Amino acid sequence: MHLKRSLAAMVACGLWAGLPAAASAQAQVDGLALAQRKACMACHQVDSKRVGPPLRSVAERYAGQGEAMVQYLAAKIRSGGRGAWGAVPMPAQSQVSEDEAHKLAQWILSLSPPKPQ
């Protein structure tokens, strides 16, 4: 009986330990799906330049700046921008709600590789 409990505890811990990775993978899928639905991918790609910069480059430029950067990028998504990435301006994306812009900004920033500790 004791062995069964120990085995069940190890399995539960193993499953629990995998949850953050699974949740993170799902967040990546959800972020990409939202970007596709909102036509972000018409001008951006994750890893290569299209009309606008690669989203991973945006993430790397603004990495590690916390919630203030999420708010900044969400506002840029909705209001557009000019000059930060070259001559081609980003038009305002008014079809993106504030909540969607916040989720997109979080997803974009998540594309930056973690900083070594």
PDB file of N, CA and C in Angstrom:
ATOM      1  N   MET A   1       0.818  -1.189   0.000  1.00  0.00           N
ATOM      2  CA  MET A   1       0.000   0.000   0.000  1.00  0.00           C
ATOM      3  C   MET A   1       0.868   1.262   0.000  1.00  0.00           C
ATOM      4  N   HIS A   2       1.914   1.269   0.817  1.00  0.00           N
ATOM      5  CA  HIS A   2       2.806   2.418   0.893  1.00  0.00           C
ATOM      6  C   HIS A   2       3.486   2.668  -0.454  1.00  0.00           C
ATOM      7  N   LEU A   3       3.862   1.601  -1.143  1.00  0.00           N
ATOM      8  CA  LEU A   3       4.486   1.717  -2.448  1.00  0.00           C
ATOM      9  C   LEU A   3       3.536   2.352  -3.460  1.00  0.00           C
ATOM     10  N   LYS A   4       2.273   1.988  -3.386  1.00  0.00           N
ATOM     11  CA  LYS A   4       1.287   2.567  -4.305  1.00  0.00           C
ATOM     12  C   LYS A   4       1.166   4.072  -4.082  1.00  0.00           C
ATOM     13  N   ARG A   5       1.134   4.490  -2.812  1.00  0.00           N
ATOM     14  CA  ARG A   5       1.046   5.925  -2.512  1.00  0.00           C
ATOM     15  C   ARG A   5       2.274   6.669  -3.003  1.00  0.00           C
ATOM     16  N   SER A   6       3.446   6.088  -2.789  1.00  0.00           N
ATOM     17  CA  SER A   6       4.679   6.726  -3.241  1.00  0.00           C
ATOM     18  C   SER A   6       4.702   6.855  -4.752  1.00  0.00           C
ATOM     19  N   LEU A   7       4.280   5.792  -5.436  1.00  0.00           N
ATOM     20  CA  LEU A   7       4.233   5.821  -6.888  1.00  0.00           C
ATOM     21  C   LEU A   7       3.227   6.867  -7.373  1.00  0.00           C
ATOM     22  N   ALA A   8       2.076   6.929  -6.738  1.00  0.00           N
ATOM     23  CA  ALA A   8       1.064   7.922  -7.111  1.00  0.00           C
ATOM     24  C   ALA A   8       1.592   9.339  -6.878  1.00  0.00           C
ATOM     25  N   ALA A   9       2.315   9.550  -5.796  1.00  0.00           N
ATOM     26  CA  ALA A   9       2.883  10.871  -5.503  1.00  0.00           C
ATOM     27  C   ALA A   9       3.932  11.244  -6.550  1.00  0.00           C
ATOM     28  N   MET A  10       4.764  10.280  -6.957  1.00  0.00           N
ATOM     29  CA  MET A  10       5.783  10.579  -7.970  1.00  0.00           C
ATOM     30  C   MET A  10       5.129  10.927  -9.309  1.00  0.00           C
ATOM     31  N   VAL A  11       4.093  10.195  -9.665  1.00  0.00           N
ATOM     32  CA  VAL A  11       3.391  10.476 -10.918  1.00  0.00           C
ATOM     33  C   VAL A  11       2.751  11.857 -10.847  1.00  0.00           C
ATOM     34  N   ALA A  12       2.097  12.155  -9.718  1.00  0.00           N
ATOM     35  CA  ALA A  12       1.456  13.461  -9.559  1.00  0.00           C
ATOM     36  C   ALA A  12       2.485  14.580  -9.649  1.00  0.00           C
ATOM     37  N   CYS A  13       3.636  14.403  -9.027  1.00  0.00           N
ATOM     38  CA  CYS A  13       4.681  15.421  -9.087  1.00  0.00           C
ATOM     39  C   CYS A  13       5.225  15.556 -10.504  1.00  0.00           C
ATOM     40  N   GLY A  14       5.379  14.454 -11.180  1.00  0.00           N
ATOM     41  CA  GLY A  14       5.853  14.500 -12.559  1.00  0.00           C
ATOM     42  C   GLY A  14       4.870  15.228 -13.447  1.00  0.00           C
ATOM     43  N   LEU A  15       3.598  14.970 -13.280  1.00  0.00           N
ATOM     44  CA  LEU A  15       2.588  15.660 -14.069  1.00  0.00           C
ATOM     45  C   LEU A  15       2.531  17.128 -13.703  1.00  0.00           C
ATOM     46  N   TRP A  16       2.611  17.439 -12.418  1.00  0.00           N
ATOM     47  CA  TRP A  16       2.565  18.831 -11.984  1.00  0.00           C
ATOM     48  C   TRP A  16       3.758  19.597 -12.524  1.00  0.00           C
ATOM     49  N   ALA A  17       4.931  18.970 -12.530  1.00  0.00           N
ATOM     50  CA  ALA A  17       6.140  19.638 -13.019  1.00  0.00           C
ATOM     51  C   ALA A  17       6.043  19.961 -14.503  1.00  0.00           C
ATOM     52  N   GLY A  18       5.272  19.198 -15.260  1.00  0.00           N
ATOM     53  CA  GLY A  18       5.131  19.445 -16.680  1.00  0.00           C
ATOM     54  C   GLY A  18       4.107  20.503 -17.035  1.00  0.00           C
ATOM     55  N   LEU A  19       3.295  20.931 -16.089  1.00  0.00           N
ATOM     56  CA  LEU A  19       2.243  21.894 -16.388  1.00  0.00           C
ATOM     57  C   LEU A  19       2.752  23.236 -16.898  1.00  0.00           C
ATOM     58  N   PRO A  20       3.769  23.842 -16.297  1.00  0.00           N
ATOM     59  CA  PRO A  20       4.227  25.130 -16.825  1.00  0.00           C
ATOM     60  C   PRO A  20       4.659  25.046 -18.283  1.00  0.00           C
ATOM     61  N   ALA A  21       5.346  23.988 -18.661  1.00  0.00           N
ATOM     62  CA  ALA A  21       5.778  23.846 -20.048  1.00  0.00           C
ATOM     63  C   ALA A  21       4.578  23.689 -20.964  1.00  0.00           C
ATOM     64  N   ALA A  22       3.598  22.898 -20.534  1.00  0.00           N
ATOM     65  CA  ALA A  22       2.396  22.706 -21.349  1.00  0.00           C
ATOM     66  C   ALA A  22       1.609  24.005 -21.462  1.00  0.00           C
ATOM     67  N   ALA A  23       1.498  24.728 -20.362  1.00  0.00           N
ATOM     68  CA  ALA A  23       0.775  26.004 -20.384  1.00  0.00           C
ATOM     69  C   ALA A  23       1.497  27.005 -21.274  1.00  0.00           C
ATOM     70  N   SER A  24       2.821  27.009 -21.208  1.00  0.00           N
ATOM     71  CA  SER A  24       3.604  27.918 -22.040  1.00  0.00           C
ATOM     72  C   SER A  24       3.444  27.574 -23.515  1.00  0.00           C
ATOM     73  N   ALA A  25       3.461  26.296 -23.840  1.00  0.00           N
ATOM     74  CA  ALA A  25       3.279  25.875 -25.234  1.00  0.00           C
ATOM     75  C   ALA A  25       1.899  26.284 -25.728  1.00  0.00           C
ATOM     76  N   GLN A  26       0.885  26.124 -24.893  1.00  0.00           N
ATOM     77  CA  GLN A  26      -0.472  26.516 -25.284  1.00  0.00           C
ATOM     78  C   GLN A  26      -0.562  28.025 -25.463  1.00  0.00           C
ATOM     79  N   ALA A  27       0.121  28.786 -24.621  1.00  0.00           N
ATOM     80  CA  ALA A  27       0.124  30.244 -24.756  1.00  0.00           C
ATOM     81  C   ALA A  27       0.753  30.654 -26.080  1.00  0.00           C
ATOM     82  N   GLN A  28       1.785  29.940 -26.509  1.00  0.00           N
ATOM     83  CA  GLN A  28       2.418  30.235 -27.796  1.00  0.00           C
ATOM     84  C   GLN A  28       1.458  29.970 -28.951  1.00  0.00           C
ATOM     85  N   VAL A  29       0.748  28.855 -28.879  1.00  0.00           N
ATOM     86  CA  VAL A  29      -0.234  28.516 -29.921  1.00  0.00           C
ATOM     87  C   VAL A  29      -1.345  29.558 -29.934  1.00  0.00           C
ATOM     88  N   ASP A  30      -1.846  29.920 -28.750  1.00  0.00           N
ATOM     89  CA  ASP A  30      -2.926  30.908 -28.659  1.00  0.00           C
ATOM     90  C   ASP A  30      -2.476  32.272 -29.171  1.00  0.00           C
ATOM     91  N   GLY A  31      -1.254  32.678 -28.841  1.00  0.00           N
ATOM     92  CA  GLY A  31      -0.738  33.971 -29.294  1.00  0.00           C
ATOM     93  C   GLY A  31      -0.603  34.022 -30.798  1.00  0.00           C
ATOM     94  N   LEU A  32      -0.061  32.985 -31.376  1.00  0.00           N
ATOM     95  CA  LEU A  32       0.086  32.935 -32.831  1.00  0.00           C
ATOM     96  C   LEU A  32      -1.287  32.934 -33.508  1.00  0.00           C
ATOM     97  N   ALA A  33      -2.233  32.183 -32.968  1.00  0.00           N
ATOM     98  CA  ALA A  33      -3.581  32.138 -33.549  1.00  0.00           C
ATOM     99  C   ALA A  33      -4.235  33.516 -33.508  1.00  0.00           C
ATOM    100  N   LEU A  34      -4.076  34.234 -32.396  1.00  0.00           N
ATOM    101  CA  LEU A  34      -4.636  35.578 -32.281  1.00  0.00           C
ATOM    102  C   LEU A  34      -3.967  36.510 -33.290  1.00  0.00           C
ATOM    103  N   ALA A  35      -2.652  36.422 -33.424  1.00  0.00           N
ATOM    104  CA  ALA A  35      -1.926  37.259 -34.392  1.00  0.00           C
ATOM    105  C   ALA A  35      -2.398  36.965 -35.814  1.00  0.00           C
ATOM    106  N   GLN A  36      -2.673  35.726 -36.104  1.00  0.00           N
ATOM    107  CA  GLN A  36      -3.174  35.374 -37.434  1.00  0.00           C
ATOM    108  C   GLN A  36      -4.593  35.905 -37.645  1.00  0.00           C
ATOM    109  N   ARG A  37      -5.453  35.763 -36.646  1.00  0.00           N
ATOM    110  CA  ARG A  37      -6.837  36.254 -36.761  1.00  0.00           C
ATOM    111  C   ARG A  37      -6.896  37.769 -36.927  1.00  0.00           C
ATOM    112  N   LYS A  38      -5.982  38.476 -36.320  1.00  0.00           N
ATOM    113  CA  LYS A  38      -5.981  39.939 -36.358  1.00  0.00           C
ATOM    114  C   LYS A  38      -5.102  40.491 -37.469  1.00  0.00           C
ATOM    115  N   ALA A  39      -4.649  39.640 -38.365  1.00  0.00           N
ATOM    116  CA  ALA A  39      -3.896  40.007 -39.562  1.00  0.00           C
ATOM    117  C   ALA A  39      -2.507  40.571 -39.276  1.00  0.00           C
ATOM    118  N   CYS A  40      -1.961  40.328 -38.093  1.00  0.00           N
ATOM    119  CA  CYS A  40      -0.600  40.778 -37.789  1.00  0.00           C
ATOM    120  C   CYS A  40       0.409  40.121 -38.721  1.00  0.00           C
ATOM    121  N   MET A  41       0.119  38.861 -39.079  1.00  0.00           N
ATOM    122  CA  MET A  41       1.066  38.088 -39.863  1.00  0.00           C
ATOM    123  C   MET A  41       1.086  38.518 -41.332  1.00  0.00           C
ATOM    124  N   ALA A  42       0.197  39.418 -41.715  1.00  0.00           N
ATOM    125  CA  ALA A  42       0.249  39.961 -43.074  1.00  0.00           C
ATOM    126  C   ALA A  42       1.495  40.828 -43.249  1.00  0.00           C
ATOM    127  N   CYS A  43       1.941  41.459 -42.174  1.00  0.00           N
ATOM    128  CA  CYS A  43       3.121  42.340 -42.235  1.00  0.00           C
ATOM    129  C   CYS A  43       4.301  41.826 -41.418  1.00  0.00           C
ATOM    130  N   HIS A  44       4.059  40.934 -40.487  1.00  0.00           N
ATOM    131  CA  HIS A  44       5.106  40.426 -39.594  1.00  0.00           C
ATOM    132  C   HIS A  44       5.206  38.917 -39.699  1.00  0.00           C
ATOM    133  N   GLN A  45       6.393  38.402 -39.454  1.00  0.00           N
ATOM    134  CA  GLN A  45       6.640  36.983 -39.270  1.00  0.00           C
ATOM    135  C   GLN A  45       7.341  36.839 -37.924  1.00  0.00           C
ATOM    136  N   VAL A  46       7.383  35.647 -37.389  1.00  0.00           N
ATOM    137  CA  VAL A  46       8.040  35.458 -36.104  1.00  0.00           C
ATOM    138  C   VAL A  46       9.552  35.645 -36.250  1.00  0.00           C
ATOM    139  N   ASP A  47      10.150  35.012 -37.250  1.00  0.00           N
ATOM    140  CA  ASP A  47      11.610  34.992 -37.338  1.00  0.00           C
ATOM    141  C   ASP A  47      12.216  35.684 -38.551  1.00  0.00           C
ATOM    142  N   SER A  48      11.397  36.228 -39.430  1.00  0.00           N
ATOM    143  CA  SER A  48      11.963  36.881 -40.608  1.00  0.00           C
ATOM    144  C   SER A  48      11.229  38.179 -40.910  1.00  0.00           C
ATOM    145  N   LYS A  49      11.942  39.078 -41.568  1.00  0.00           N
ATOM    146  CA  LYS A  49      11.364  40.375 -41.919  1.00  0.00           C
ATOM    147  C   LYS A  49      10.394  40.197 -43.076  1.00  0.00           C
ATOM    148  N   ARG A  50       9.294  40.862 -42.974  1.00  0.00           N
ATOM    149  CA  ARG A  50       8.341  40.937 -44.074  1.00  0.00           C
ATOM    150  C   ARG A  50       8.222  42.427 -44.366  1.00  0.00           C
ATOM    151  N   VAL A  51       7.101  43.037 -44.138  1.00  0.00           N
ATOM    152  CA  VAL A  51       6.975  44.498 -44.237  1.00  0.00           C
ATOM    153  C   VAL A  51       7.514  45.115 -42.954  1.00  0.00           C
ATOM    154  N   GLY A  52       7.122  44.519 -41.841  1.00  0.00           N
ATOM    155  CA  GLY A  52       7.574  44.976 -40.531  1.00  0.00           C
ATOM    156  C   GLY A  52       8.662  44.064 -39.994  1.00  0.00           C
ATOM    157  N   PRO A  53       9.214  44.405 -38.844  1.00  0.00           N
ATOM    158  CA  PRO A  53      10.312  43.610 -38.274  1.00  0.00           C
ATOM    159  C   PRO A  53       9.825  42.242 -37.808  1.00  0.00           C
ATOM    160  N   PRO A  54      10.751  41.289 -37.703  1.00  0.00           N
ATOM    161  CA  PRO A  54      10.383  39.999 -37.119  1.00  0.00           C
ATOM    162  C   PRO A  54       9.918  40.204 -35.677  1.00  0.00           C
ATOM    163  N   LEU A  55       8.883  39.494 -35.295  1.00  0.00           N
ATOM    164  CA  LEU A  55       8.352  39.664 -33.933  1.00  0.00           C
ATOM    165  C   LEU A  55       9.371  39.257 -32.881  1.00  0.00           C
ATOM    166  N   ARG A  56      10.225  38.298 -33.205  1.00  0.00           N
ATOM    167  CA  ARG A  56      11.262  37.908 -32.247  1.00  0.00           C
ATOM    168  C   ARG A  56      12.245  39.063 -32.026  1.00  0.00           C
ATOM    169  N   SER A  57      12.522  39.848 -33.046  1.00  0.00           N
ATOM    170  CA  SER A  57      13.402  41.021 -32.897  1.00  0.00           C
ATOM    171  C   SER A  57      12.757  42.066 -32.002  1.00  0.00           C
ATOM    172  N   VAL A  58      11.451  42.252 -32.144  1.00  0.00           N
ATOM    173  CA  VAL A  58      10.729  43.173 -31.257  1.00  0.00           C
ATOM    174  C   VAL A  58      10.857  42.679 -29.820  1.00  0.00           C
ATOM    175  N   ALA A  59      10.652  41.382 -29.630  1.00  0.00           N
ATOM    176  CA  ALA A  59      10.746  40.797 -28.285  1.00  0.00           C
ATOM    177  C   ALA A  59      12.132  40.996 -27.691  1.00  0.00           C
ATOM    178  N   GLU A  60      13.155  40.778 -28.500  1.00  0.00           N
ATOM    179  CA  GLU A  60      14.523  40.916 -27.996  1.00  0.00           C
ATOM    180  C   GLU A  60      14.859  42.365 -27.656  1.00  0.00           C
ATOM    181  N   ARG A  61      14.379  43.310 -28.465  1.00  0.00           N
ATOM    182  CA  ARG A  61      14.657  44.727 -28.197  1.00  0.00           C
ATOM    183  C   ARG A  61      14.044  45.165 -26.874  1.00  0.00           C
ATOM    184  N   TYR A  62      12.843  44.685 -26.582  1.00  0.00           N
ATOM    185  CA  TYR A  62      12.105  45.167 -25.421  1.00  0.00           C
ATOM    186  C   TYR A  62      12.053  44.170 -24.260  1.00  0.00           C
ATOM    187  N   ALA A  63      12.872  43.145 -24.291  1.00  0.00           N
ATOM    188  CA  ALA A  63      12.865  42.094 -23.263  1.00  0.00           C
ATOM    189  C   ALA A  63      13.212  42.641 -21.883  1.00  0.00           C
ATOM    190  N   GLY A  64      12.623  42.004 -20.884  1.00  0.00           N
ATOM    191  CA  GLY A  64      12.991  42.265 -19.501  1.00  0.00           C
ATOM    192  C   GLY A  64      12.521  43.586 -18.926  1.00  0.00           C
ATOM    193  N   GLN A  65      11.557  44.230 -19.560  1.00  0.00           N
ATOM    194  CA  GLN A  65      11.105  45.525 -19.075  1.00  0.00           C
ATOM    195  C   GLN A  65       9.730  45.470 -18.421  1.00  0.00           C
ATOM    196  N   GLY A  66       9.211  44.265 -18.246  1.00  0.00           N
ATOM    197  CA  GLY A  66       8.015  44.057 -17.451  1.00  0.00           C
ATOM    198  C   GLY A  66       6.717  44.567 -18.045  1.00  0.00           C
ATOM    199  N   GLU A  67       5.760  44.771 -17.157  1.00  0.00           N
ATOM    200  CA  GLU A  67       4.396  45.146 -17.533  1.00  0.00           C
ATOM    201  C   GLU A  67       4.329  46.486 -18.243  1.00  0.00           C
ATOM    202  N   ALA A  68       5.223  47.400 -17.918  1.00  0.00           N
ATOM    203  CA  ALA A  68       5.223  48.695 -18.600  1.00  0.00           C
ATOM    204  C   ALA A  68       5.453  48.518 -20.099  1.00  0.00           C
ATOM    205  N   MET A  69       6.313  47.560 -20.475  1.00  0.00           N
ATOM    206  CA  MET A  69       6.562  47.321 -21.892  1.00  0.00           C
ATOM    207  C   MET A  69       5.373  46.634 -22.551  1.00  0.00           C
ATOM    208  N   VAL A  70       4.682  45.779 -21.821  1.00  0.00           N
ATOM    209  CA  VAL A  70       3.463  45.158 -22.354  1.00  0.00           C
ATOM    210  C   VAL A  70       2.467  46.261 -22.691  1.00  0.00           C
ATOM    211  N   GLN A  71       2.298  47.197 -21.778  1.00  0.00           N
ATOM    212  CA  GLN A  71       1.362  48.303 -22.003  1.00  0.00           C
ATOM    213  C   GLN A  71       1.808  49.163 -23.190  1.00  0.00           C
ATOM    214  N   TYR A  72       3.099  49.434 -23.285  1.00  0.00           N
ATOM    215  CA  TYR A  72       3.644  50.239 -24.381  1.00  0.00           C
ATOM    216  C   TYR A  72       3.372  49.571 -25.727  1.00  0.00           C
ATOM    217  N   LEU A  73       3.698  48.278 -25.829  1.00  0.00           N
ATOM    218  CA  LEU A  73       3.492  47.573 -27.095  1.00  0.00           C
ATOM    219  C   LEU A  73       2.009  47.441 -27.437  1.00  0.00           C
ATOM    220  N   ALA A  74       1.185  47.206 -26.433  1.00  0.00           N
ATOM    221  CA  ALA A  74      -0.259  47.115 -26.677  1.00  0.00           C
ATOM    222  C   ALA A  74      -0.778  48.437 -27.247  1.00  0.00           C
ATOM    223  N   ALA A  75      -0.305  49.548 -26.709  1.00  0.00           N
ATOM    224  CA  ALA A  75      -0.717  50.862 -27.220  1.00  0.00           C
ATOM    225  C   ALA A  75      -0.212  51.070 -28.642  1.00  0.00           C
ATOM    226  N   LYS A  76       1.025  50.634 -28.938  1.00  0.00           N
ATOM    227  CA  LYS A  76       1.573  50.759 -30.288  1.00  0.00           C
ATOM    228  C   LYS A  76       0.785  49.912 -31.288  1.00  0.00           C
ATOM    229  N   ILE A  77       0.352  48.749 -30.870  1.00  0.00           N
ATOM    230  CA  ILE A  77      -0.451  47.893 -31.745  1.00  0.00           C
ATOM    231  C   ILE A  77      -1.725  48.624 -32.144  1.00  0.00           C
ATOM    232  N   ARG A  78      -2.389  49.216 -31.168  1.00  0.00           N
ATOM    233  CA  ARG A  78      -3.668  49.877 -31.440  1.00  0.00           C
ATOM    234  C   ARG A  78      -3.519  51.223 -32.138  1.00  0.00           C
ATOM    235  N   SER A  79      -2.475  51.983 -31.799  1.00  0.00           N
ATOM    236  CA  SER A  79      -2.364  53.336 -32.352  1.00  0.00           C
ATOM    237  C   SER A  79      -1.388  53.444 -33.523  1.00  0.00           C
ATOM    238  N   GLY A  80      -0.581  52.405 -33.746  1.00  0.00           N
ATOM    239  CA  GLY A  80       0.396  52.440 -34.826  1.00  0.00           C
ATOM    240  C   GLY A  80       1.700  53.073 -34.380  1.00  0.00           C
ATOM    241  N   GLY A  81       2.635  53.155 -35.295  1.00  0.00           N
ATOM    242  CA  GLY A  81       3.932  53.717 -34.950  1.00  0.00           C
ATOM    243  C   GLY A  81       4.695  54.125 -36.196  1.00  0.00           C
ATOM    244  N   ARG A  82       5.771  54.844 -35.976  1.00  0.00           N
ATOM    245  CA  ARG A  82       6.576  55.345 -37.087  1.00  0.00           C
ATOM    246  C   ARG A  82       8.003  55.546 -36.610  1.00  0.00           C
ATOM    247  N   GLY A  83       8.954  55.067 -37.420  1.00  0.00           N
ATOM    248  CA  GLY A  83      10.351  55.388 -37.200  1.00  0.00           C
ATOM    249  C   GLY A  83      11.151  54.469 -36.307  1.00  0.00           C
ATOM    250  N   ALA A  84      10.528  53.672 -35.463  1.00  0.00           N
ATOM    251  CA  ALA A  84      11.288  52.820 -34.549  1.00  0.00           C
ATOM    252  C   ALA A  84      11.959  51.656 -35.261  1.00  0.00           C
ATOM    253  N   TRP A  85      11.411  51.252 -36.418  1.00  0.00           N
ATOM    254  CA  TRP A  85      11.924  50.089 -37.139  1.00  0.00           C
ATOM    255  C   TRP A  85      12.210  50.405 -38.605  1.00  0.00           C
ATOM    256  N   GLY A  86      12.366  51.651 -38.944  1.00  0.00           N
ATOM    257  CA  GLY A  86      12.650  52.015 -40.323  1.00  0.00           C
ATOM    258  C   GLY A  86      11.597  52.960 -40.882  1.00  0.00           C
ATOM    259  N   ALA A  87      11.617  53.116 -42.187  1.00  0.00           N
ATOM    260  CA  ALA A  87      10.782  54.119 -42.845  1.00  0.00           C
ATOM    261  C   ALA A  87       9.319  53.725 -42.988  1.00  0.00           C
ATOM    262  N   VAL A  88       9.017  52.442 -42.990  1.00  0.00           N
ATOM    263  CA  VAL A  88       7.635  52.008 -43.204  1.00  0.00           C
ATOM    264  C   VAL A  88       6.864  52.122 -41.888  1.00  0.00           C
ATOM    265  N   PRO A  89       5.825  52.959 -41.844  1.00  0.00           N
ATOM    266  CA  PRO A  89       5.052  53.104 -40.606  1.00  0.00           C
ATOM    267  C   PRO A  89       4.127  51.902 -40.387  1.00  0.00           C
ATOM    268  N   MET A  90       3.797  51.658 -39.139  1.00  0.00           N
ATOM    269  CA  MET A  90       2.809  50.639 -38.802  1.00  0.00           C
ATOM    270  C   MET A  90       1.478  51.351 -38.616  1.00  0.00           C
ATOM    271  N   PRO A  91       0.484  51.015 -39.430  1.00  0.00           N
ATOM    272  CA  PRO A  91      -0.811  51.679 -39.263  1.00  0.00           C
ATOM    273  C   PRO A  91      -1.495  51.240 -37.976  1.00  0.00           C
ATOM    274  N   ALA A  92      -2.364  52.079 -37.487  1.00  0.00           N
ATOM    275  CA  ALA A  92      -3.152  51.749 -36.291  1.00  0.00           C
ATOM    276  C   ALA A  92      -3.993  50.513 -36.571  1.00  0.00           C
ATOM    277  N   GLN A  93      -4.113  49.668 -35.590  1.00  0.00           N
ATOM    278  CA  GLN A  93      -4.891  48.438 -35.701  1.00  0.00           C
ATOM    279  C   GLN A  93      -6.123  48.553 -34.803  1.00  0.00           C
ATOM    280  N   SER A  94      -7.033  49.419 -35.197  1.00  0.00           N
ATOM    281  CA  SER A  94      -8.205  49.708 -34.363  1.00  0.00           C
ATOM    282  C   SER A  94      -9.165  48.528 -34.249  1.00  0.00           C
ATOM    283  N   GLN A  95      -9.029  47.520 -35.129  1.00  0.00           N
ATOM    284  CA  GLN A  95      -9.873  46.333 -35.032  1.00  0.00           C
ATOM    285  C   GLN A  95      -9.435  45.421 -33.881  1.00  0.00           C
ATOM    286  N   VAL A  96      -8.285  45.717 -33.288  1.00  0.00           N
ATOM    287  CA  VAL A  96      -7.767  44.944 -32.159  1.00  0.00           C
ATOM    288  C   VAL A  96      -8.236  45.616 -30.875  1.00  0.00           C
ATOM    289  N   SER A  97      -8.936  44.866 -30.042  1.00  0.00           N
ATOM    290  CA  SER A  97      -9.411  45.425 -28.765  1.00  0.00           C
ATOM    291  C   SER A  97      -8.223  45.649 -27.830  1.00  0.00           C
ATOM    292  N   GLU A  98      -8.450  46.400 -26.763  1.00  0.00           N
ATOM    293  CA  GLU A  98      -7.378  46.625 -25.777  1.00  0.00           C
ATOM    294  C   GLU A  98      -6.924  45.307 -25.172  1.00  0.00           C
ATOM    295  N   ASP A  99      -7.880  44.435 -24.853  1.00  0.00           N
ATOM    296  CA  ASP A  99      -7.540  43.134 -24.268  1.00  0.00           C
ATOM    297  C   ASP A  99      -6.722  42.293 -25.262  1.00  0.00           C
ATOM    298  N   GLU A 100      -7.134  42.280 -26.517  1.00  0.00           N
ATOM    299  CA  GLU A 100      -6.390  41.532 -27.532  1.00  0.00           C
ATOM    300  C   GLU A 100      -4.995  42.111 -27.728  1.00  0.00           C
ATOM    301  N   ALA A 101      -4.886  43.431 -27.743  1.00  0.00           N
ATOM    302  CA  ALA A 101      -3.574  44.071 -27.892  1.00  0.00           C
ATOM    303  C   ALA A 101      -2.666  43.694 -26.724  1.00  0.00           C
ATOM    304  N   HIS A 102      -3.210  43.639 -25.530  1.00  0.00           N
ATOM    305  CA  HIS A 102      -2.443  43.245 -24.342  1.00  0.00           C
ATOM    306  C   HIS A 102      -1.968  41.801 -24.481  1.00  0.00           C
ATOM    307  N   LYS A 103      -2.851  40.916 -24.922  1.00  0.00           N
ATOM    308  CA  LYS A 103      -2.467  39.507 -25.118  1.00  0.00           C
ATOM    309  C   LYS A 103      -1.411  39.374 -26.211  1.00  0.00           C
ATOM    310  N   LEU A 104      -1.571  40.122 -27.298  1.00  0.00           N
ATOM    311  CA  LEU A 104      -0.575  40.088 -28.371  1.00  0.00           C
ATOM    312  C   LEU A 104       0.776  40.585 -27.878  1.00  0.00           C
ATOM    313  N   ALA A 105       0.775  41.668 -27.123  1.00  0.00           N
ATOM    314  CA  ALA A 105       2.038  42.208 -26.597  1.00  0.00           C
ATOM    315  C   ALA A 105       2.711  41.203 -25.669  1.00  0.00           C
ATOM    316  N   GLN A 106       1.940  40.553 -24.808  1.00  0.00           N
ATOM    317  CA  GLN A 106       2.511  39.525 -23.929  1.00  0.00           C
ATOM    318  C   GLN A 106       3.110  38.390 -24.749  1.00  0.00           C
ATOM    319  N   TRP A 107       2.386  37.962 -25.771  1.00  0.00           N
ATOM    320  CA  TRP A 107       2.878  36.873 -26.612  1.00  0.00           C
ATOM    321  C   TRP A 107       4.160  37.290 -27.332  1.00  0.00           C
ATOM    322  N   ILE A 108       4.164  38.470 -27.916  1.00  0.00           N
ATOM    323  CA  ILE A 108       5.357  38.935 -28.629  1.00  0.00           C
ATOM    324  C   ILE A 108       6.557  38.956 -27.687  1.00  0.00           C
ATOM    325  N   LEU A 109       6.391  39.512 -26.504  1.00  0.00           N
ATOM    326  CA  LEU A 109       7.508  39.582 -25.557  1.00  0.00           C
ATOM    327  C   LEU A 109       7.955  38.193 -25.108  1.00  0.00           C
ATOM    328  N   SER A 110       7.048  37.214 -25.118  1.00  0.00           N
ATOM    329  CA  SER A 110       7.410  35.855 -24.727  1.00  0.00           C
ATOM    330  C   SER A 110       8.310  35.182 -25.764  1.00  0.00           C
ATOM    331  N   LEU A 111       8.424  35.757 -26.946  1.00  0.00           N
ATOM    332  CA  LEU A 111       9.249  35.165 -28.004  1.00  0.00           C
ATOM    333  C   LEU A 111      10.737  35.373 -27.767  1.00  0.00           C
ATOM    334  N   SER A 112      11.095  36.263 -26.857  1.00  0.00           N
ATOM    335  CA  SER A 112      12.504  36.502 -26.550  1.00  0.00           C
ATOM    336  C   SER A 112      13.033  35.342 -25.730  1.00  0.00           C
ATOM    337  N   PRO A 113      14.218  34.819 -26.082  1.00  0.00           N
ATOM    338  CA  PRO A 113      14.779  33.732 -25.277  1.00  0.00           C
ATOM    339  C   PRO A 113      15.092  34.242 -23.873  1.00  0.00           C
ATOM    340  N   PRO A 114      14.965  33.383 -22.874  1.00  0.00           N
ATOM    341  CA  PRO A 114      15.276  33.821 -21.501  1.00  0.00           C
ATOM    342  C   PRO A 114      16.734  34.236 -21.386  1.00  0.00           C
ATOM    343  N   LYS A 115      16.955  35.253 -20.572  1.00  0.00           N
ATOM    344  CA  LYS A 115      18.319  35.739 -20.336  1.00  0.00           C
ATOM    345  C   LYS A 115      19.067  34.723 -19.466  1.00  0.00           C
ATOM    346  N   PRO A 116      20.353  34.428 -19.789  1.00  0.00           N
ATOM    347  CA  PRO A 116      21.129  33.513 -18.948  1.00  0.00           C
ATOM    348  C   PRO A 116      21.322  34.117 -17.567  1.00  0.00           C
ATOM    349  N   GLN A 117      21.307  33.249 -16.569  1.00  0.00           N
ATOM    350  CA  GLN A 117      21.444  33.747 -15.200  1.00  0.00           C
ATOM    351  C   GLN A 117      22.808  33.556 -14.640  1.00  0.00           C
TER     352      GLN A 117
END
